[in-house]
């Protein structure tokens, strides 16, 4: 564990212009929200004690969602289901640039507000559209088990170390999200919903799955019951016809 923490520290120090507030948080000295700037130029606001710093590190500094060879091409449309406080959404907006587009979805109210803050801090990249809802196999309402550590909130009951508060949230299908956002073609779909990944993919119609012309990246949590856990992974889909390319998605 010590070696892992040293690696985290090295990643933060090497890739952050002002790493001191994160180091102060680790020491218990940082009490108020603070902002950091990545070496790549993105701004990110972090709330102490909520796990935001780790999301910043894994998504914006380590590029975890590209670790299996996925690509974020300039001008692409990206859909981020389970956007948390916006780490990957901001990272993707940087990569796809002003000609691209990012739709970021998060159901938990506090994290959604932070997602909106971090999206607004980075106006020079792709437009980030934010939606406050859960995504599942069918539309309706559900109970979200909201955790102190924002990375662990889920529609499933997880073995969590934090304090959990139940929050009623609206649920849409992925097809609803794509339709309501006016997305014809999506080049990168990221799903990180702490256990609902297969339900979301399984509800896609053949018409809509054909409009995802790039990569589907999904993760799962080992704290789920054994009969419901799904492996993390990435599906690379064949590119669509010329009309499916980025210029047709905006």
C-alpha atoms as a PDB file:
ATOM      1  CA  UNK A   1       0.000   0.000   0.000  1.00  0.00           C
ATOM      2  CA  UNK A   2       2.875   2.385   0.770  1.00  0.00           C
ATOM      3  CA  UNK A   3       4.409   1.758  -2.662  1.00  0.00           C
ATOM      4  CA  UNK A   4       1.057   2.417  -4.317  1.00  0.00           C
ATOM      5  CA  UNK A   5       0.613   5.695  -2.448  1.00  0.00           C
ATOM      6  CA  UNK A   6       4.108   6.765  -3.485  1.00  0.00           C
ATOM      7  CA  UNK A   7       3.160   6.062  -7.122  1.00  0.00           C
ATOM      8  CA  UNK A   8       0.013   8.165  -6.697  1.00  0.00           C
ATOM      9  CA  UNK A   9       2.097  10.991  -5.217  1.00  0.00           C
ATOM     10  CA  UNK A  10       4.556  10.831  -8.093  1.00  0.00           C
ATOM     11  CA  UNK A  11       1.748  10.934 -10.661  1.00  0.00           C
ATOM     12  CA  UNK A  12       0.174  13.979  -9.005  1.00  0.00           C
ATOM     13  CA  UNK A  13       3.428  15.905  -8.556  1.00  0.00           C
ATOM     14  CA  UNK A  14       4.694  15.247 -12.090  1.00  0.00           C
ATOM     15  CA  UNK A  15       1.432  16.111 -13.829  1.00  0.00           C
ATOM     16  CA  UNK A  16      -0.073  18.928 -11.738  1.00  0.00           C
ATOM     17  CA  UNK A  17       1.075  22.538 -11.867  1.00  0.00           C
ATOM     18  CA  UNK A  18       0.067  23.200  -8.235  1.00  0.00           C
ATOM     19  CA  UNK A  19       0.067  19.822  -6.407  1.00  0.00           C
ATOM     20  CA  UNK A  20       0.421  21.281  -2.883  1.00  0.00           C
ATOM     21  CA  UNK A  21      -3.338  21.318  -2.029  1.00  0.00           C
ATOM     22  CA  UNK A  22      -3.645  17.609  -2.846  1.00  0.00           C
ATOM     23  CA  UNK A  23      -0.660  16.815  -0.645  1.00  0.00           C
ATOM     24  CA  UNK A  24      -2.234  18.928   2.127  1.00  0.00           C
ATOM     25  CA  UNK A  25      -5.476  16.960   1.769  1.00  0.00           C
ATOM     26  CA  UNK A  26      -3.585  13.692   2.187  1.00  0.00           C
ATOM     27  CA  UNK A  27      -2.110  15.086   5.411  1.00  0.00           C
ATOM     28  CA  UNK A  28      -5.526  16.217   6.651  1.00  0.00           C
ATOM     29  CA  UNK A  29      -4.659  19.910   6.420  1.00  0.00           C
ATOM     30  CA  UNK A  30      -6.937  20.920   3.531  1.00  0.00           C
ATOM     31  CA  UNK A  31     -10.499  21.638   4.715  1.00  0.00           C
ATOM     32  CA  UNK A  32     -12.022  23.723   1.927  1.00  0.00           C
ATOM     33  CA  UNK A  33     -12.571  22.908  -1.771  1.00  0.00           C
ATOM     34  CA  UNK A  34      -9.583  23.828  -3.916  1.00  0.00           C
ATOM     35  CA  UNK A  35      -8.639  24.001  -7.575  1.00  0.00           C
ATOM     36  CA  UNK A  36      -5.709  22.413  -9.337  1.00  0.00           C
ATOM     37  CA  UNK A  37      -4.398  22.729 -12.889  1.00  0.00           C
ATOM     38  CA  UNK A  38      -3.067  19.757 -14.826  1.00  0.00           C
ATOM     39  CA  UNK A  39       0.100  20.116 -16.891  1.00  0.00           C
ATOM     40  CA  UNK A  40      -2.168  19.704 -19.916  1.00  0.00           C
ATOM     41  CA  UNK A  41      -3.950  22.918 -18.921  1.00  0.00           C
ATOM     42  CA  UNK A  42      -7.285  21.708 -17.514  1.00  0.00           C
ATOM     43  CA  UNK A  43      -8.709  23.119 -14.276  1.00  0.00           C
ATOM     44  CA  UNK A  44     -10.372  20.892 -11.691  1.00  0.00           C
ATOM     45  CA  UNK A  45     -12.084  21.688  -8.392  1.00  0.00           C
ATOM     46  CA  UNK A  46     -11.647  19.108  -5.629  1.00  0.00           C
ATOM     47  CA  UNK A  47     -13.665  18.652  -2.431  1.00  0.00           C
ATOM     48  CA  UNK A  48     -11.524  17.288   0.436  1.00  0.00           C
ATOM     49  CA  UNK A  49     -12.543  13.934   1.860  1.00  0.00           C
ATOM     50  CA  UNK A  50     -14.839  12.937  -1.014  1.00  0.00           C
ATOM     51  CA  UNK A  51     -12.440  11.021  -3.244  1.00  0.00           C
ATOM     52  CA  UNK A  52     -12.371  13.769  -5.901  1.00  0.00           C
ATOM     53  CA  UNK A  53      -8.567  13.877  -5.954  1.00  0.00           C
ATOM     54  CA  UNK A  54      -8.399  10.211  -6.941  1.00  0.00           C
ATOM     55  CA  UNK A  55     -10.875  10.733  -9.791  1.00  0.00           C
ATOM     56  CA  UNK A  56      -8.712  13.636 -10.988  1.00  0.00           C
ATOM     57  CA  UNK A  57      -5.609  11.450 -10.874  1.00  0.00           C
ATOM     58  CA  UNK A  58      -6.976   8.319 -12.543  1.00  0.00           C
ATOM     59  CA  UNK A  59      -8.942  10.055 -15.314  1.00  0.00           C
ATOM     60  CA  UNK A  60      -7.017  13.240 -16.104  1.00  0.00           C
ATOM     61  CA  UNK A  61      -3.449  12.296 -15.173  1.00  0.00           C
ATOM     62  CA  UNK A  62      -3.159   8.509 -15.671  1.00  0.00           C
ATOM     63  CA  UNK A  63      -5.641   8.366 -18.593  1.00  0.00           C
ATOM     64  CA  UNK A  64      -7.111   5.137 -17.200  1.00  0.00           C
ATOM     65  CA  UNK A  65      -9.963   5.032 -19.719  1.00  0.00           C
ATOM     66  CA  UNK A  66      -7.449   4.826 -22.571  1.00  0.00           C
ATOM     67  CA  UNK A  67      -5.312   2.112 -21.004  1.00  0.00           C
ATOM     68  CA  UNK A  68      -6.625  -0.641 -23.299  1.00  0.00           C
ATOM     69  CA  UNK A  69      -5.695   1.235 -26.467  1.00  0.00           C
ATOM     70  CA  UNK A  70      -8.900   3.252 -26.851  1.00  0.00           C
ATOM     71  CA  UNK A  71      -8.756   6.509 -28.802  1.00  0.00           C
ATOM     72  CA  UNK A  72     -10.334   9.913 -28.451  1.00  0.00           C
ATOM     73  CA  UNK A  73     -10.013  11.524 -31.869  1.00  0.00           C
ATOM     74  CA  UNK A  74     -10.409  15.218 -32.597  1.00  0.00           C
ATOM     75  CA  UNK A  75     -14.017  16.069 -33.451  1.00  0.00           C
ATOM     76  CA  UNK A  76     -15.471  12.909 -31.877  1.00  0.00           C
ATOM     77  CA  UNK A  77     -18.687  12.666 -29.878  1.00  0.00           C
ATOM     78  CA  UNK A  78     -18.220  11.140 -26.400  1.00  0.00           C
ATOM     79  CA  UNK A  79     -20.931   9.919 -24.016  1.00  0.00           C
ATOM     80  CA  UNK A  80     -19.902   9.488 -20.373  1.00  0.00           C
ATOM     81  CA  UNK A  81     -22.381   7.446 -18.315  1.00  0.00           C
ATOM     82  CA  UNK A  82     -21.373   7.665 -14.661  1.00  0.00           C
ATOM     83  CA  UNK A  83     -19.439  10.909 -15.095  1.00  0.00           C
ATOM     84  CA  UNK A  84     -18.938  11.448 -11.378  1.00  0.00           C
ATOM     85  CA  UNK A  85     -17.433  14.921 -10.803  1.00  0.00           C
ATOM     86  CA  UNK A  86     -16.257  15.315 -14.389  1.00  0.00           C
ATOM     87  CA  UNK A  87     -12.705  13.980 -14.550  1.00  0.00           C
ATOM     88  CA  UNK A  88     -13.118  11.929 -17.709  1.00  0.00           C
ATOM     89  CA  UNK A  89     -15.582  14.427 -19.246  1.00  0.00           C
ATOM     90  CA  UNK A  90     -13.020  17.240 -18.998  1.00  0.00           C
ATOM     91  CA  UNK A  91     -10.212  14.948 -20.178  1.00  0.00           C
ATOM     92  CA  UNK A  92     -12.300  13.869 -23.180  1.00  0.00           C
ATOM     93  CA  UNK A  93     -13.283  17.472 -23.960  1.00  0.00           C
ATOM     94  CA  UNK A  94      -9.587  18.348 -24.158  1.00  0.00           C
ATOM     95  CA  UNK A  95      -8.839  15.426 -26.453  1.00  0.00           C
ATOM     96  CA  UNK A  96     -11.713  15.844 -28.927  1.00  0.00           C
ATOM     97  CA  UNK A  97     -11.364  19.636 -29.015  1.00  0.00           C
ATOM     98  CA  UNK A  98     -13.821  22.400 -29.927  1.00  0.00           C
ATOM     99  CA  UNK A  99     -15.161  20.431 -32.908  1.00  0.00           C
ATOM    100  CA  UNK A 100     -16.079  17.562 -30.605  1.00  0.00           C
ATOM    101  CA  UNK A 101     -18.863  17.058 -28.112  1.00  0.00           C
ATOM    102  CA  UNK A 102     -19.197  15.432 -24.675  1.00  0.00           C
ATOM    103  CA  UNK A 103     -22.401  14.377 -22.905  1.00  0.00           C
ATOM    104  CA  UNK A 104     -21.835  13.618 -19.200  1.00  0.00           C
ATOM    105  CA  UNK A 105     -24.469  11.888 -17.038  1.00  0.00           C
ATOM    106  CA  UNK A 106     -24.533  11.659 -13.233  1.00  0.00           C
ATOM    107  CA  UNK A 107     -27.560  11.020 -10.948  1.00  0.00           C
ATOM    108  CA  UNK A 108     -26.225  11.956  -7.495  1.00  0.00           C
ATOM    109  CA  UNK A 109     -27.074  15.641  -6.822  1.00  0.00           C
ATOM    110  CA  UNK A 110     -23.887  16.745  -5.027  1.00  0.00           C
ATOM    111  CA  UNK A 111     -21.600  15.096  -7.553  1.00  0.00           C
ATOM    112  CA  UNK A 112     -23.697  16.494 -10.391  1.00  0.00           C
ATOM    113  CA  UNK A 113     -23.187  20.024  -9.066  1.00  0.00           C
ATOM    114  CA  UNK A 114     -19.441  19.370  -8.975  1.00  0.00           C
ATOM    115  CA  UNK A 115     -19.607  17.970 -12.511  1.00  0.00           C
ATOM    116  CA  UNK A 116     -21.213  21.221 -13.639  1.00  0.00           C
ATOM    117  CA  UNK A 117     -18.531  23.280 -11.870  1.00  0.00           C
ATOM    118  CA  UNK A 118     -15.659  21.373 -13.446  1.00  0.00           C
ATOM    119  CA  UNK A 119     -17.285  21.502 -16.874  1.00  0.00           C
ATOM    120  CA  UNK A 120     -17.702  25.287 -16.583  1.00  0.00           C
ATOM    121  CA  UNK A 121     -14.047  25.713 -15.551  1.00  0.00           C
ATOM    122  CA  UNK A 122     -12.924  24.413 -18.959  1.00  0.00           C
ATOM    123  CA  UNK A 123     -14.785  26.348 -21.670  1.00  0.00           C
ATOM    124  CA  UNK A 124     -12.010  26.266 -24.256  1.00  0.00           C
ATOM    125  CA  UNK A 125     -12.432  22.630 -25.211  1.00  0.00           C
ATOM    126  CA  UNK A 126     -15.393  20.606 -26.462  1.00  0.00           C
ATOM    127  CA  UNK A 127     -18.844  21.529 -25.231  1.00  0.00           C
ATOM    128  CA  UNK A 128     -19.866  19.400 -22.220  1.00  0.00           C
ATOM    129  CA  UNK A 129     -23.603  18.798 -21.863  1.00  0.00           C
ATOM    130  CA  UNK A 130     -24.560  17.553 -18.379  1.00  0.00           C
ATOM    131  CA  UNK A 131     -27.606  15.441 -17.478  1.00  0.00           C
ATOM    132  CA  UNK A 132     -28.720  14.662 -13.918  1.00  0.00           C
ATOM    133  CA  UNK A 133     -30.201  11.151 -14.063  1.00  0.00           C
ATOM    134  CA  UNK A 134     -29.308   7.500 -13.669  1.00  0.00           C
ATOM    135  CA  UNK A 135     -29.116   5.192 -16.672  1.00  0.00           C
ATOM    136  CA  UNK A 136     -30.557   1.698 -16.580  1.00  0.00           C
ATOM    137  CA  UNK A 137     -32.418  -0.955 -18.539  1.00  0.00           C
ATOM    138  CA  UNK A 138     -35.728   0.948 -18.461  1.00  0.00           C
ATOM    139  CA  UNK A 139     -36.940   4.454 -17.655  1.00  0.00           C
ATOM    140  CA  UNK A 140     -38.567   5.281 -14.324  1.00  0.00           C
ATOM    141  CA  UNK A 141     -37.284   5.962 -10.805  1.00  0.00           C
ATOM    142  CA  UNK A 142     -34.854   4.111  -8.577  1.00  0.00           C
ATOM    143  CA  UNK A 143     -33.029   4.428  -5.258  1.00  0.00           C
ATOM    144  CA  UNK A 144     -29.403   5.494  -5.524  1.00  0.00           C
ATOM    145  CA  UNK A 145     -27.185   4.473  -2.614  1.00  0.00           C
ATOM    146  CA  UNK A 146     -25.086   7.639  -2.374  1.00  0.00           C
ATOM    147  CA  UNK A 147     -21.733   7.131  -0.664  1.00  0.00           C
ATOM    148  CA  UNK A 148     -19.394   9.596   1.091  1.00  0.00           C
ATOM    149  CA  UNK A 149     -16.769   8.500  -1.422  1.00  0.00           C
ATOM    150  CA  UNK A 150     -18.327   9.672  -4.685  1.00  0.00           C
ATOM    151  CA  UNK A 151     -16.773   6.835  -6.673  1.00  0.00           C
ATOM    152  CA  UNK A 152     -18.865   4.219  -4.832  1.00  0.00           C
ATOM    153  CA  UNK A 153     -22.429   5.514  -5.291  1.00  0.00           C
ATOM    154  CA  UNK A 154     -24.578   2.916  -7.041  1.00  0.00           C
ATOM    155  CA  UNK A 155     -28.084   1.647  -7.742  1.00  0.00           C
ATOM    156  CA  UNK A 156     -26.771  -1.584  -6.184  1.00  0.00           C
ATOM    157  CA  UNK A 157     -25.848  -2.055  -2.544  1.00  0.00           C
ATOM    158  CA  UNK A 158     -22.066  -2.280  -2.456  1.00  0.00           C
ATOM    159  CA  UNK A 159     -19.705  -3.282   0.326  1.00  0.00           C
ATOM    160  CA  UNK A 160     -18.669   0.272   1.053  1.00  0.00           C
ATOM    161  CA  UNK A 161     -16.444   1.852   3.658  1.00  0.00           C
ATOM    162  CA  UNK A 162     -18.317   5.144   3.714  1.00  0.00           C
ATOM    163  CA  UNK A 163     -21.657   6.431   4.944  1.00  0.00           C
ATOM    164  CA  UNK A 164     -24.495   5.707   2.523  1.00  0.00           C
ATOM    165  CA  UNK A 165     -27.587   7.867   2.024  1.00  0.00           C
ATOM    166  CA  UNK A 166     -30.475   6.655  -0.134  1.00  0.00           C
ATOM    167  CA  UNK A 167     -31.624   9.160  -2.765  1.00  0.00           C
ATOM    168  CA  UNK A 168     -34.508   8.708  -5.200  1.00  0.00           C
ATOM    169  CA  UNK A 169     -33.387   9.504  -8.762  1.00  0.00           C
ATOM    170  CA  UNK A 170     -34.906   9.454 -12.216  1.00  0.00           C
ATOM    171  CA  UNK A 171     -33.732   6.721 -14.582  1.00  0.00           C
ATOM    172  CA  UNK A 172     -33.444   6.870 -18.353  1.00  0.00           C
ATOM    173  CA  UNK A 173     -32.221   4.290 -20.820  1.00  0.00           C
ATOM    174  CA  UNK A 174     -29.074   4.931 -22.829  1.00  0.00           C
ATOM    175  CA  UNK A 175     -31.234   5.259 -25.909  1.00  0.00           C
ATOM    176  CA  UNK A 176     -33.212   8.000 -24.118  1.00  0.00           C
ATOM    177  CA  UNK A 177     -29.970   9.850 -23.355  1.00  0.00           C
ATOM    178  CA  UNK A 178     -28.771   9.639 -26.948  1.00  0.00           C
ATOM    179  CA  UNK A 179     -32.130  10.721 -28.357  1.00  0.00           C
ATOM    180  CA  UNK A 180     -32.640  13.591 -25.895  1.00  0.00           C
ATOM    181  CA  UNK A 181     -29.108  14.838 -26.567  1.00  0.00           C
ATOM    182  CA  UNK A 182     -29.655  14.713 -30.329  1.00  0.00           C
ATOM    183  CA  UNK A 183     -26.763  12.303 -30.854  1.00  0.00           C
ATOM    184  CA  UNK A 184     -26.852  10.436 -34.137  1.00  0.00           C
ATOM    185  CA  UNK A 185     -23.418   8.826 -33.872  1.00  0.00           C
ATOM    186  CA  UNK A 186     -21.144   8.297 -30.877  1.00  0.00           C
ATOM    187  CA  UNK A 187     -17.449   7.497 -31.296  1.00  0.00           C
ATOM    188  CA  UNK A 188     -16.678   6.777 -27.618  1.00  0.00           C
ATOM    189  CA  UNK A 189     -19.123   5.469 -25.015  1.00  0.00           C
ATOM    190  CA  UNK A 190     -17.839   5.144 -21.441  1.00  0.00           C
ATOM    191  CA  UNK A 191     -19.990   3.377 -18.833  1.00  0.00           C
ATOM    192  CA  UNK A 192     -18.887   3.284 -15.193  1.00  0.00           C
ATOM    193  CA  UNK A 193     -22.006   2.811 -13.070  1.00  0.00           C
ATOM    194  CA  UNK A 194     -20.876   0.489 -10.262  1.00  0.00           C
ATOM    195  CA  UNK A 195     -22.848  -2.557 -11.385  1.00  0.00           C
ATOM    196  CA  UNK A 196     -25.425  -1.485 -14.001  1.00  0.00           C
ATOM    197  CA  UNK A 197     -23.147  -1.710 -17.038  1.00  0.00           C
ATOM    198  CA  UNK A 198     -24.586  -4.886 -18.592  1.00  0.00           C
ATOM    199  CA  UNK A 199     -28.181  -3.738 -17.983  1.00  0.00           C
ATOM    200  CA  UNK A 200     -27.463  -0.515 -19.875  1.00  0.00           C
ATOM    201  CA  UNK A 201     -25.813  -2.199 -22.857  1.00  0.00           C
ATOM    202  CA  UNK A 202     -28.445  -4.959 -22.977  1.00  0.00           C
ATOM    203  CA  UNK A 203     -31.253  -2.435 -23.344  1.00  0.00           C
ATOM    204  CA  UNK A 204     -29.823  -0.902 -26.523  1.00  0.00           C
ATOM    205  CA  UNK A 205     -31.827  -1.579 -29.675  1.00  0.00           C
ATOM    206  CA  UNK A 206     -30.120  -2.850 -32.814  1.00  0.00           C
ATOM    207  CA  UNK A 207     -30.752   0.525 -34.442  1.00  0.00           C
ATOM    208  CA  UNK A 208     -28.951   2.415 -31.704  1.00  0.00           C
ATOM    209  CA  UNK A 209     -26.030   0.016 -31.216  1.00  0.00           C
ATOM    210  CA  UNK A 210     -25.317   0.524 -34.909  1.00  0.00           C
ATOM    211  CA  UNK A 211     -24.847   4.226 -34.251  1.00  0.00           C
ATOM    212  CA  UNK A 212     -21.967   3.692 -31.817  1.00  0.00           C
ATOM    213  CA  UNK A 213     -19.142   3.624 -34.292  1.00  0.00           C
ATOM    214  CA  UNK A 214     -16.079   3.521 -32.075  1.00  0.00           C
ATOM    215  CA  UNK A 215     -15.429   2.210 -28.567  1.00  0.00           C
ATOM    216  CA  UNK A 216     -17.546   1.085 -25.633  1.00  0.00           C
ATOM    217  CA  UNK A 217     -15.555   1.095 -22.392  1.00  0.00           C
ATOM    218  CA  UNK A 218     -17.195  -0.395 -19.323  1.00  0.00           C
ATOM    219  CA  UNK A 219     -16.076  -1.118 -15.789  1.00  0.00           C
ATOM    220  CA  UNK A 220     -17.483  -2.994 -12.843  1.00  0.00           C
ATOM    221  CA  UNK A 221     -16.930  -3.113  -9.131  1.00  0.00           C
ATOM    222  CA  UNK A 222     -15.545  -6.147  -7.335  1.00  0.00           C
ATOM    223  CA  UNK A 223     -17.737  -5.325  -4.334  1.00  0.00           C
ATOM    224  CA  UNK A 224     -20.851  -6.444  -6.189  1.00  0.00           C
ATOM    225  CA  UNK A 225     -22.333  -9.853  -5.452  1.00  0.00           C
ATOM    226  CA  UNK A 226     -20.551 -12.599  -7.359  1.00  0.00           C
ATOM    227  CA  UNK A 227     -23.544 -13.364  -9.565  1.00  0.00           C
ATOM    228  CA  UNK A 228     -23.837  -9.780 -10.801  1.00  0.00           C
ATOM    229  CA  UNK A 229     -20.235  -8.651 -11.262  1.00  0.00           C
ATOM    230  CA  UNK A 230     -19.061  -7.964 -14.795  1.00  0.00           C
ATOM    231  CA  UNK A 231     -15.450  -7.674 -15.899  1.00  0.00           C
ATOM    232  CA  UNK A 232     -13.977  -4.364 -16.930  1.00  0.00           C
ATOM    233  CA  UNK A 233     -13.222  -4.132 -20.607  1.00  0.00           C
ATOM    234  CA  UNK A 234     -13.534  -2.400 -23.919  1.00  0.00           C
ATOM    235  CA  UNK A 235     -15.392  -3.218 -27.110  1.00  0.00           C
ATOM    236  CA  UNK A 236     -14.005  -1.760 -30.322  1.00  0.00           C
ATOM    237  CA  UNK A 237     -16.724  -1.442 -32.948  1.00  0.00           C
ATOM    238  CA  UNK A 238     -16.174  -1.072 -36.670  1.00  0.00           C
ATOM    239  CA  UNK A 239     -16.338   2.528 -37.868  1.00  0.00           C
ATOM    240  CA  UNK A 240     -19.684   3.507 -39.330  1.00  0.00           C
ATOM    241  CA  UNK A 241     -20.317   4.783 -42.842  1.00  0.00           C
ATOM    242  CA  UNK A 242     -19.107   8.274 -43.805  1.00  0.00           C
ATOM    243  CA  UNK A 243     -22.283   9.821 -42.369  1.00  0.00           C
ATOM    244  CA  UNK A 244     -21.325   8.377 -38.970  1.00  0.00           C
ATOM    245  CA  UNK A 245     -18.065  10.258 -38.749  1.00  0.00           C
ATOM    246  CA  UNK A 246     -17.599  13.161 -36.303  1.00  0.00           C
ATOM    247  CA  UNK A 247     -18.793  15.922 -38.637  1.00  0.00           C
ATOM    248  CA  UNK A 248     -22.195  14.241 -38.797  1.00  0.00           C
ATOM    249  CA  UNK A 249     -22.559  14.079 -35.030  1.00  0.00           C
ATOM    250  CA  UNK A 250     -22.652  17.720 -34.153  1.00  0.00           C
END
